[in-house]
Amino acid sequence: MSVLTHEISLENFQEQFDYVLTHYKKHGKLVSNYSNIIIAGLGGSGIGGKIARSYFWNHSPVPVEGYSDYHLPAYANSKTLTILCSYSGNTEETLTMFAEAQERGCDIICMAAGGKLMDLATAADYPTYTIATGYQPRMTLGFALGNLLMIVGEVLGKDLTSDITELRDTFKNPAQAVTRAKEMHEQFRSTIAQKFVVITDMAFEPVGIRFCQQIQENAKGEGFVSVLPEANHNMIESYYEKHDTNFILLNSRQNDRVTKRFDFVKKVLTDLGNNVYDYPLHDASLNSIFEVIHSTDWLSIYASDDKKVNNMEVGIIMELKGFLSNQ
């Protein structure tokens, strides 16, 4: 059986949206029953929750939060809808949050490809959503975020089927995203081994985090996120000289004052000779979000090839898991 590589998963990304459209089943839960919604998960299984939180920021009458920890916040209770996500179903932090959610009487939904989380959820008769097996967790954002968008959308009374269908159709031929990836790669090719700093607005903060995760796991490089306007009150004081850094700007252009801040930061950085790619964005639509995710995923693969590192292996992460299993 052939190994499912990152390249294959990206080339067939539309299949993940097809899977969601085929397998999604309504859960019947309504926002009027909740005071808040928590999406809990770690790493490749957690970033979908952070992106969903950002997307529903201006649409939900109750807080939607993403948590990546061993514990739920103190406010989680019987008025909390807790959505737990783990690709393997065996992530120890997520299983601990699952147990806490049960203890506190939270309403629970689970998403996994199998493992203990799916077994526990099935035994307790909680709604469950599956993810196809054979992938590495960081390859499965289409499955995870697609499901989360449908799940939370239904809670809020919004049917996002047409939006997911549009994404599927777009990624049958993702030429624009691949073109952007190649542009970024060409610009950063000579400095690909340097760290990346992604400067975002609030709408694209979790997308920036996603890229940093990918450059870290796939290309074994450092990645950091700075968010405007907050970073204008501190970060810019570090830019009095050229840095050994690749900068990517992600601005949804939803706020004119924030856009002016991006313009200022870009000028400061470029005047000092820094390597800056200003990603051409005009909104924070799902199409724009997934285009940036897809293009920066490809950039992380190109970077791994340039650096001649194995983007399929995560040796230190596996070493950590082995260490923790013996504690």
Protein backbone atom coordinates (compact mmCIF):
# COMPACT_ATOMS: atom_id res chain seq x y z
CA MET A 1 0.00 0.00 0.00
CA SER A 2 1.44 3.38 -1.02
CA VAL A 3 2.07 6.04 1.61
CA LEU A 4 -0.22 9.06 1.55
CA THR A 5 2.24 11.94 1.26
CA HIS A 6 1.66 15.63 1.88
CA GLU A 7 1.90 16.25 -1.85
CA ILE A 8 -0.82 13.71 -2.62
CA SER A 9 -3.09 15.05 0.11
CA LEU A 10 -2.74 18.60 -1.24
CA GLU A 11 -3.25 17.54 -4.85
CA ASN A 12 -6.48 15.81 -3.83
CA PHE A 13 -7.60 18.33 -1.22
CA GLN A 14 -11.11 18.57 -2.68
CA GLU A 15 -11.72 14.97 -1.57
CA GLN A 16 -11.77 16.13 2.05
CA PHE A 17 -14.69 18.46 1.39
CA ASP A 18 -16.45 15.70 -0.56
CA TYR A 19 -16.07 13.47 2.48
CA VAL A 20 -17.64 16.08 4.75
CA LEU A 21 -20.56 16.64 2.37
CA THR A 22 -21.16 12.89 2.08
CA HIS A 23 -20.86 11.98 5.76
CA TYR A 24 -22.24 14.99 7.64
CA LYS A 25 -25.37 14.29 9.67
CA LYS A 26 -27.44 16.86 11.51
CA HIS A 27 -27.12 16.99 15.30
CA GLY A 28 -30.18 19.15 16.00
CA LYS A 29 -28.55 21.39 18.62
CA LEU A 30 -29.55 25.07 18.90
CA VAL A 31 -27.55 28.04 20.14
CA SER A 32 -30.40 29.13 22.42
CA ASN A 33 -29.51 26.21 24.72
CA TYR A 34 -25.92 27.39 25.32
CA SER A 35 -24.02 30.22 26.93
CA ASN A 36 -20.80 29.34 25.08
CA ILE A 37 -19.20 26.89 22.66
CA ILE A 38 -15.77 25.33 23.26
CA ILE A 39 -13.79 23.57 20.53
CA ALA A 40 -11.05 21.47 22.13
CA GLY A 41 -8.09 19.84 20.40
CA LEU A 42 -4.32 19.90 19.94
CA GLY A 43 -1.96 20.43 17.01
CA GLY A 44 -3.35 19.46 13.62
CA SER A 45 -6.63 18.55 15.30
CA GLY A 46 -6.82 21.82 17.24
CA ILE A 47 -6.10 24.44 14.60
CA GLY A 48 -9.48 23.87 12.93
CA GLY A 49 -11.15 25.03 16.14
CA LYS A 50 -9.11 28.21 16.22
CA ILE A 51 -9.97 28.99 12.59
CA ALA A 52 -13.67 28.22 13.19
CA ARG A 53 -13.60 30.51 16.23
CA SER A 54 -12.20 33.33 14.11
CA TYR A 55 -14.66 32.73 11.27
CA PHE A 56 -17.73 32.78 13.55
CA TRP A 57 -16.44 35.78 15.53
CA ASN A 58 -18.99 38.14 13.96
CA HIS A 59 -21.76 35.56 13.53
CA SER A 60 -22.28 33.92 16.91
CA PRO A 61 -24.39 35.47 19.71
CA VAL A 62 -22.42 33.38 22.25
CA PRO A 63 -18.63 33.06 22.61
CA VAL A 64 -16.92 30.41 20.48
CA GLU A 65 -13.50 29.52 21.90
CA GLY A 66 -10.73 27.12 20.96
CA TYR A 67 -8.71 25.38 23.69
CA SER A 68 -5.53 23.32 23.42
CA ASP A 69 -4.75 22.17 26.94
CA TYR A 70 -5.38 19.44 29.51
CA HIS A 71 -8.21 21.39 31.15
CA LEU A 72 -11.36 23.22 30.16
CA PRO A 73 -11.87 26.78 31.41
CA ALA A 74 -13.63 27.25 34.74
CA TYR A 75 -16.79 28.56 33.07
CA ALA A 76 -17.48 25.29 31.20
CA ASN A 77 -20.75 23.85 32.55
CA SER A 78 -24.12 22.40 31.56
CA LYS A 79 -24.73 25.43 29.32
CA THR A 80 -21.54 24.73 27.35
CA LEU A 81 -21.40 22.86 24.06
CA THR A 82 -17.98 21.17 23.96
CA ILE A 83 -16.73 19.87 20.62
CA LEU A 84 -13.71 17.59 21.05
CA CYS A 85 -11.38 16.89 18.13
CA SER A 86 -8.56 14.34 17.90
CA TYR A 87 -7.50 12.67 14.67
CA SER A 88 -6.10 9.59 16.41
CA GLY A 89 -8.74 9.70 19.11
CA ASN A 90 -5.99 9.01 21.61
CA THR A 91 -4.56 12.48 22.33
CA GLU A 92 -4.10 12.54 26.08
CA GLU A 93 -4.92 16.24 26.54
CA THR A 94 -8.16 15.89 24.55
CA LEU A 95 -9.19 12.76 26.47
CA THR A 96 -8.63 14.67 29.73
CA MET A 97 -10.84 17.52 28.48
CA PHE A 98 -13.46 14.96 27.44
CA ALA A 99 -13.54 13.57 30.99
CA GLU A 100 -13.86 17.09 32.42
CA ALA A 101 -16.68 17.91 30.02
CA GLN A 102 -18.56 14.85 31.24
CA GLU A 103 -17.93 15.71 34.90
CA ARG A 104 -19.25 19.23 34.42
CA GLY A 105 -22.34 18.15 32.50
CA CYS A 106 -21.38 19.84 29.23
CA ASP A 107 -23.22 18.90 26.06
CA ILE A 108 -20.67 17.01 23.95
CA ILE A 109 -19.89 16.36 20.28
CA CYS A 110 -16.79 14.39 19.22
CA MET A 111 -14.80 14.19 15.99
CA ALA A 112 -12.06 11.62 15.35
CA ALA A 113 -10.87 8.96 12.94
CA GLY A 114 -11.20 6.35 15.71
CA GLY A 115 -9.42 5.59 18.99
CA LYS A 116 -10.53 6.00 22.60
CA LEU A 117 -12.36 9.28 22.01
CA MET A 118 -14.67 7.72 19.42
CA ASP A 119 -15.21 4.63 21.60
CA LEU A 120 -16.12 6.74 24.63
CA ALA A 121 -18.38 9.05 22.65
CA THR A 122 -20.19 6.15 21.00
CA ALA A 123 -20.69 4.40 24.34
CA ALA A 124 -22.19 7.60 25.79
CA ASP A 125 -24.36 8.12 22.67
CA TYR A 126 -22.88 11.54 21.87
CA PRO A 127 -23.02 12.81 18.27
CA THR A 128 -19.84 11.79 16.44
CA TYR A 129 -18.20 12.86 13.17
CA THR A 130 -15.57 10.81 11.41
CA ILE A 131 -12.40 11.65 9.51
CA ALA A 132 -10.90 9.33 6.89
CA THR A 133 -7.97 7.22 8.07
CA GLY A 134 -4.51 6.96 6.51
CA TYR A 135 -3.52 10.62 6.92
CA GLN A 136 -1.19 12.42 9.27
CA PRO A 137 -3.18 14.82 11.50
CA ARG A 138 -1.71 17.96 9.93
CA MET A 139 -2.96 16.79 6.50
CA THR A 140 -6.61 16.67 7.58
CA LEU A 141 -7.65 20.30 7.97
CA GLY A 142 -10.24 20.00 5.19
CA PHE A 143 -11.98 17.19 7.07
CA ALA A 144 -11.73 18.81 10.49
CA LEU A 145 -12.54 22.41 9.63
CA GLY A 146 -15.20 21.39 7.11
CA ASN A 147 -16.98 19.38 9.81
CA LEU A 148 -16.57 22.15 12.39
CA LEU A 149 -18.01 24.75 10.04
CA MET A 150 -21.03 22.54 9.43
CA ILE A 151 -21.44 21.64 13.13
CA VAL A 152 -21.18 25.19 14.50
CA GLY A 153 -23.07 26.59 11.54
CA GLU A 154 -26.00 24.28 12.31
CA VAL A 155 -25.93 25.34 15.98
CA LEU A 156 -26.22 28.96 14.80
CA GLY A 157 -29.00 28.13 12.32
CA LYS A 158 -26.76 28.53 9.27
CA ASP A 159 -26.53 25.79 6.62
CA LEU A 160 -23.02 25.99 5.16
CA THR A 161 -23.50 23.12 2.69
CA SER A 162 -23.29 25.46 -0.30
CA ASP A 163 -20.10 27.05 1.09
CA ILE A 164 -18.41 23.65 1.53
CA THR A 165 -19.59 22.65 -1.95
CA GLU A 166 -18.02 25.81 -3.38
CA LEU A 167 -14.75 25.01 -1.63
CA ARG A 168 -14.80 21.50 -3.05
CA ASP A 169 -15.34 22.85 -6.56
CA THR A 170 -12.62 25.49 -6.13
CA PHE A 171 -10.03 22.92 -5.07
CA LYS A 172 -10.69 20.67 -8.01
CA ASN A 173 -8.39 23.14 -9.75
CA PRO A 174 -6.55 25.20 -7.09
CA ALA A 175 -4.44 27.07 -9.63
CA GLN A 176 -4.53 30.41 -7.80
CA ALA A 177 -3.35 28.92 -4.49
CA VAL A 178 -0.55 26.99 -6.20
CA THR A 179 0.52 30.12 -8.09
CA ARG A 180 0.75 32.03 -4.79
CA ALA A 181 2.79 29.20 -3.27
CA LYS A 182 5.24 29.29 -6.15
CA GLU A 183 5.51 33.09 -5.87
CA MET A 184 6.33 32.87 -2.18
CA HIS A 185 8.78 30.05 -2.75
CA GLU A 186 10.60 32.00 -5.44
CA GLN A 187 10.85 35.03 -3.17
CA PHE A 188 12.09 33.06 -0.15
CA ARG A 189 14.16 30.40 -1.94
CA SER A 190 17.52 31.95 -1.07
CA THR A 191 16.50 32.54 2.58
CA ILE A 192 14.31 29.46 3.10
CA ALA A 193 16.34 28.25 6.10
CA GLN A 194 15.65 31.46 8.04
CA LYS A 195 12.76 31.73 10.47
CA PHE A 196 9.35 32.96 9.32
CA VAL A 197 7.34 35.69 11.00
CA VAL A 198 3.73 35.99 9.86
CA ILE A 199 2.14 39.37 10.57
CA THR A 200 -1.65 39.10 10.51
CA ASP A 201 -4.81 40.88 11.49
CA MET A 202 -7.21 39.18 13.91
CA ALA A 203 -9.15 37.43 11.14
CA PHE A 204 -6.05 35.64 9.84
CA GLU A 205 -4.25 34.98 13.14
CA PRO A 206 -5.19 31.25 13.24
CA VAL A 207 -4.26 30.88 9.56
CA GLY A 208 -0.86 32.34 10.41
CA ILE A 209 -0.58 29.87 13.28
CA ARG A 210 -1.42 27.05 10.88
CA PHE A 211 1.45 28.03 8.57
CA CYS A 212 3.87 28.20 11.49
CA GLN A 213 2.79 24.71 12.54
CA GLN A 214 3.41 23.47 9.00
CA ILE A 215 6.82 25.11 8.62
CA GLN A 216 7.78 23.68 12.02
CA GLU A 217 6.60 20.11 11.41
CA ASN A 218 7.24 19.77 7.70
CA ALA A 219 10.34 21.92 7.16
CA LYS A 220 11.81 21.77 10.70
CA GLY A 221 11.98 25.58 10.77
CA GLU A 222 10.94 28.27 13.21
CA GLY A 223 7.70 30.17 12.72
CA PHE A 224 6.07 32.93 14.77
CA VAL A 225 2.91 35.05 14.50
CA SER A 226 2.44 38.74 15.32
CA VAL A 227 -1.05 40.26 15.24
CA LEU A 228 -1.99 43.84 14.36
CA PRO A 229 -2.95 46.22 15.82
CA GLU A 230 -1.51 44.84 19.10
CA ALA A 231 1.97 44.20 17.64
CA ASN A 232 2.21 47.89 16.67
CA HIS A 233 2.41 48.64 20.38
CA ASN A 234 5.52 46.50 20.92
CA MET A 235 6.88 44.40 18.02
CA ILE A 236 7.83 47.32 15.78
CA GLU A 237 10.39 48.50 18.32
CA SER A 238 12.52 45.49 17.33
CA TYR A 239 12.84 46.68 13.72
CA TYR A 240 15.73 49.12 13.57
CA GLU A 241 17.85 46.87 11.35
CA LYS A 242 17.58 44.04 8.87
CA HIS A 243 16.67 40.66 10.39
CA ASP A 244 17.47 37.11 9.32
CA THR A 245 13.75 36.57 8.88
CA ASN A 246 11.21 35.85 6.15
CA PHE A 247 8.11 38.01 6.62
CA ILE A 248 4.61 37.19 5.32
CA LEU A 249 1.80 39.75 5.68
CA LEU A 250 -1.82 38.50 5.93
CA ASN A 251 -4.28 41.38 5.99
CA SER A 252 -7.99 40.74 5.33
CA ARG A 253 -8.46 44.50 4.74
CA GLN A 254 -11.61 44.56 6.85
CA ASN A 255 -10.41 47.55 8.88
CA ASP A 256 -8.97 50.64 7.20
CA ARG A 257 -7.00 51.67 10.29
CA VAL A 258 -5.37 48.23 10.53
CA THR A 259 -4.55 48.39 6.81
CA LYS A 260 -2.71 51.68 7.40
CA ARG A 261 -0.73 49.91 10.13
CA PHE A 262 0.19 47.13 7.68
CA ASP A 263 1.34 49.77 5.19
CA PHE A 264 3.56 51.36 7.82
CA VAL A 265 5.10 48.06 8.98
CA LYS A 266 5.71 46.94 5.40
CA LYS A 267 7.56 50.19 4.62
CA VAL A 268 9.69 49.93 7.78
CA LEU A 269 10.67 46.35 6.96
CA THR A 270 11.30 46.81 3.24
CA ASP A 271 13.26 50.04 3.73
CA LEU A 272 15.64 48.03 5.92
CA GLY A 273 16.05 45.40 3.19
CA ASN A 274 13.97 42.67 4.82
CA ASN A 275 12.37 39.95 2.71
CA VAL A 276 8.61 40.62 2.81
CA TYR A 277 5.76 38.91 0.93
CA ASP A 278 2.49 40.83 1.12
CA TYR A 279 -0.16 38.21 0.35
CA PRO A 280 -2.84 39.78 -1.91
CA LEU A 281 -6.06 39.48 0.09
CA HIS A 282 -9.33 41.40 -0.07
CA ASP A 283 -11.53 39.68 2.53
CA ALA A 284 -11.75 36.94 5.15
CA SER A 285 -14.12 34.67 3.22
CA LEU A 286 -13.82 30.89 3.44
CA ASN A 287 -12.34 30.86 -0.05
CA SER A 288 -9.63 33.32 0.98
CA ILE A 289 -8.93 31.45 4.23
CA PHE A 290 -8.52 28.11 2.47
CA GLU A 291 -6.50 29.62 -0.37
CA VAL A 292 -3.92 30.93 2.11
CA ILE A 293 -3.92 27.62 4.00
CA HIS A 294 -3.39 25.67 0.79
CA SER A 295 -0.68 27.92 -0.60
CA THR A 296 1.28 28.11 2.65
CA ASP A 297 0.97 24.34 3.11
CA TRP A 298 2.64 23.97 -0.28
CA LEU A 299 5.30 26.50 0.75
CA SER A 300 6.15 24.36 3.78
CA ILE A 301 6.60 21.34 1.48
CA TYR A 302 8.79 23.30 -0.94
CA ALA A 303 10.84 24.45 2.06
CA SER A 304 11.28 20.87 3.29
CA ASP A 305 12.51 19.84 -0.16
CA ASP A 306 14.98 22.75 -0.32
CA LYS A 307 16.30 21.93 3.14
CA LYS A 308 16.39 18.19 2.34
CA VAL A 309 14.44 17.21 5.46
CA ASN A 310 11.78 14.51 5.74
CA ASN A 311 8.40 16.23 5.93
CA MET A 312 6.68 12.98 6.92
CA GLU A 313 8.68 12.35 10.08
CA VAL A 314 8.27 14.17 13.40
CA GLY A 315 11.00 12.53 15.44
CA ILE A 316 11.07 14.83 18.45
CA ILE A 317 7.28 14.77 18.78
CA MET A 318 7.35 10.97 18.79
CA GLU A 319 10.19 11.05 21.32
CA LEU A 320 8.10 13.31 23.56
CA LYS A 321 5.11 10.96 23.33
CA GLY A 322 7.33 8.05 24.30
CA PHE A 323 8.72 10.01 27.23
CA LEU A 324 5.27 10.98 28.50
CA SER A 325 3.97 7.42 28.19
CA ASN A 326 6.61 6.35 30.72
CA GLN A 327 5.82 9.08 33.26
